[in-house]
Amino acid sequence: MSHLSEINVPEKAPRRIGIVESDARDMTRKVVINYSVKHPKYGKYIRRRTVLQVHDAKNESHNGDRVEVAECRPISKTKSWVLTRVVEKAVGSE
């Protein structure tokens, strides 16, 4: 099996920006992506959220950090996204 710290992410891979909700596990982060969709009939905007399990090989992100993630090959049963960079550190974290 290849070394997971060197996962190749294609340049055109889908990327999202979200907030780390949990950093309790080693090399895995739970990232929440919030977005709005317009209701097809009534036109009201509805808030939605997607929760992704993200591979963080260097354990560089923590709770509250804004991060960029990219889609990659499946790493485990629930992980198919990898952390590309930390966009903004959470207030109060070092």
C-alpha atoms as a PDB file:
ATOM      1  CA  MET A   1       0.000   0.000   0.000  1.00  0.00           C
ATOM      2  CA  SER A   2       1.280   3.488  -0.814  1.00  0.00           C
ATOM      3  CA  HIS A   3       2.225   6.027   1.797  1.00  0.00           C
ATOM      4  CA  LEU A   4      -0.872   8.129   2.603  1.00  0.00           C
ATOM      5  CA  SER A   5       1.076  11.304   3.353  1.00  0.00           C
ATOM      6  CA  GLU A   6       1.902  11.580  -0.359  1.00  0.00           C
ATOM      7  CA  ILE A   7      -1.555  11.416  -1.923  1.00  0.00           C
ATOM      8  CA  ASN A   8      -1.596  12.903  -5.401  1.00  0.00           C
ATOM      9  CA  VAL A   9      -4.451  15.345  -5.915  1.00  0.00           C
ATOM     10  CA  PRO A  10      -5.183  16.336  -9.523  1.00  0.00           C
ATOM     11  CA  GLU A  11      -5.191  20.073 -10.302  1.00  0.00           C
ATOM     12  CA  LYS A  12      -8.798  19.884 -11.501  1.00  0.00           C
ATOM     13  CA  ALA A  13     -10.040  17.978  -8.443  1.00  0.00           C
ATOM     14  CA  PRO A  14     -13.114  19.537  -6.801  1.00  0.00           C
ATOM     15  CA  ARG A  15     -12.132  21.776  -3.886  1.00  0.00           C
ATOM     16  CA  ARG A  16     -14.244  23.121  -1.034  1.00  0.00           C
ATOM     17  CA  ILE A  17     -13.639  25.451   1.910  1.00  0.00           C
ATOM     18  CA  GLY A  18     -15.087  24.489   5.277  1.00  0.00           C
ATOM     19  CA  ILE A  19     -14.588  24.663   9.032  1.00  0.00           C
ATOM     20  CA  VAL A  20     -13.031  21.906  11.148  1.00  0.00           C
ATOM     21  CA  GLU A  21     -15.639  20.632  13.599  1.00  0.00           C
ATOM     22  CA  SER A  22     -13.656  17.797  15.205  1.00  0.00           C
ATOM     23  CA  ASP A  23      -9.976  16.934  15.460  1.00  0.00           C
ATOM     24  CA  ALA A  24     -10.280  14.074  17.957  1.00  0.00           C
ATOM     25  CA  ARG A  25      -8.873  11.368  15.657  1.00  0.00           C
ATOM     26  CA  ASP A  26      -5.335  11.000  14.395  1.00  0.00           C
ATOM     27  CA  MET A  27      -4.945  12.160  10.761  1.00  0.00           C
ATOM     28  CA  THR A  28      -8.721  12.554  10.324  1.00  0.00           C
ATOM     29  CA  ARG A  29     -10.769  15.731  10.607  1.00  0.00           C
ATOM     30  CA  LYS A  30     -14.504  16.315  10.442  1.00  0.00           C
ATOM     31  CA  VAL A  31     -15.066  19.347   8.199  1.00  0.00           C
ATOM     32  CA  VAL A  32     -18.432  21.097   7.825  1.00  0.00           C
ATOM     33  CA  ILE A  33     -19.316  22.920   4.616  1.00  0.00           C
ATOM     34  CA  ASN A  34     -22.289  25.299   4.858  1.00  0.00           C
ATOM     35  CA  TYR A  35     -24.143  26.450   1.742  1.00  0.00           C
ATOM     36  CA  SER A  36     -27.536  27.830   0.679  1.00  0.00           C
ATOM     37  CA  VAL A  37     -29.953  26.543  -1.945  1.00  0.00           C
ATOM     38  CA  LYS A  38     -33.004  28.265  -3.328  1.00  0.00           C
ATOM     39  CA  HIS A  39     -36.296  26.420  -2.891  1.00  0.00           C
ATOM     40  CA  PRO A  40     -37.608  25.616  -6.389  1.00  0.00           C
ATOM     41  CA  LYS A  41     -41.221  26.615  -5.705  1.00  0.00           C
ATOM     42  CA  TYR A  42     -41.159  29.253  -2.969  1.00  0.00           C
ATOM     43  CA  GLY A  43     -37.855  30.957  -3.690  1.00  0.00           C
ATOM     44  CA  LYS A  44     -36.708  31.029  -0.068  1.00  0.00           C
ATOM     45  CA  TYR A  45     -33.045  30.275   0.540  1.00  0.00           C
ATOM     46  CA  ILE A  46     -32.514  27.220   2.747  1.00  0.00           C
ATOM     47  CA  ARG A  47     -29.311  26.626   4.700  1.00  0.00           C
ATOM     48  CA  ARG A  48     -27.730  23.211   4.180  1.00  0.00           C
ATOM     49  CA  ARG A  49     -24.558  21.589   5.482  1.00  0.00           C
ATOM     50  CA  THR A  50     -22.324  18.778   4.356  1.00  0.00           C
ATOM     51  CA  VAL A  51     -20.049  16.911   6.757  1.00  0.00           C
ATOM     52  CA  LEU A  52     -16.864  15.437   5.251  1.00  0.00           C
ATOM     53  CA  GLN A  53     -14.270  13.123   6.753  1.00  0.00           C
ATOM     54  CA  VAL A  54     -10.937  14.608   5.646  1.00  0.00           C
ATOM     55  CA  HIS A  55      -7.439  13.108   5.679  1.00  0.00           C
ATOM     56  CA  ASP A  56      -4.928  15.413   7.422  1.00  0.00           C
ATOM     57  CA  ALA A  57      -1.574  13.620   7.203  1.00  0.00           C
ATOM     58  CA  LYS A  58       0.390  16.200   9.223  1.00  0.00           C
ATOM     59  CA  ASN A  59      -2.290  16.888  11.884  1.00  0.00           C
ATOM     60  CA  GLU A  60      -1.913  20.607  11.143  1.00  0.00           C
ATOM     61  CA  SER A  61      -5.563  21.680  11.526  1.00  0.00           C
ATOM     62  CA  HIS A  62      -7.569  22.079  14.719  1.00  0.00           C
ATOM     63  CA  ASN A  63     -11.137  22.883  15.801  1.00  0.00           C
ATOM     64  CA  GLY A  64     -12.496  26.074  14.266  1.00  0.00           C
ATOM     65  CA  ASP A  65      -9.862  26.405  11.531  1.00  0.00           C
ATOM     66  CA  ARG A  66     -11.030  27.327   8.028  1.00  0.00           C
ATOM     67  CA  VAL A  67      -9.495  24.794   5.631  1.00  0.00           C
ATOM     68  CA  GLU A  68      -9.455  23.938   1.932  1.00  0.00           C
ATOM     69  CA  VAL A  69     -10.103  20.301   1.034  1.00  0.00           C
ATOM     70  CA  ALA A  70      -9.833  18.479  -2.288  1.00  0.00           C
ATOM     71  CA  GLU A  71     -11.457  15.287  -3.495  1.00  0.00           C
ATOM     72  CA  CYS A  72      -9.128  12.310  -3.991  1.00  0.00           C
ATOM     73  CA  ARG A  73      -9.248   8.546  -4.298  1.00  0.00           C
ATOM     74  CA  PRO A  74     -10.954   6.673  -1.414  1.00  0.00           C
ATOM     75  CA  ILE A  75      -8.608   6.407   1.554  1.00  0.00           C
ATOM     76  CA  SER A  76     -10.975   4.438   3.780  1.00  0.00           C
ATOM     77  CA  LYS A  77     -14.660   3.601   4.001  1.00  0.00           C
ATOM     78  CA  THR A  78     -15.682   7.198   4.746  1.00  0.00           C
ATOM     79  CA  LYS A  79     -12.646   9.293   3.715  1.00  0.00           C
ATOM     80  CA  SER A  80     -12.239  10.459   0.132  1.00  0.00           C
ATOM     81  CA  TRP A  81     -11.169  14.064   0.755  1.00  0.00           C
ATOM     82  CA  VAL A  82      -7.712  15.365   1.659  1.00  0.00           C
ATOM     83  CA  LEU A  83      -6.654  18.601   3.374  1.00  0.00           C
ATOM     84  CA  THR A  84      -4.775  20.867   0.952  1.00  0.00           C
ATOM     85  CA  ARG A  85      -4.169  23.929   3.138  1.00  0.00           C
ATOM     86  CA  VAL A  86      -5.265  25.801   6.248  1.00  0.00           C
ATOM     87  CA  VAL A  87      -6.844  29.028   5.017  1.00  0.00           C
ATOM     88  CA  GLU A  88      -7.314  30.696   8.403  1.00  0.00           C
ATOM     89  CA  LYS A  89      -6.485  29.637  11.951  1.00  0.00           C
ATOM     90  CA  ALA A  90      -9.228  29.778  14.581  1.00  0.00           C
ATOM     91  CA  VAL A  91      -9.194  32.675  17.024  1.00  0.00           C
ATOM     92  CA  GLY A  92      -7.346  31.664  20.186  1.00  0.00           C
ATOM     93  CA  SER A  93      -5.473  28.726  18.643  1.00  0.00           C
ATOM     94  CA  GLU A  94      -1.743  28.795  18.041  1.00  0.00           C
END
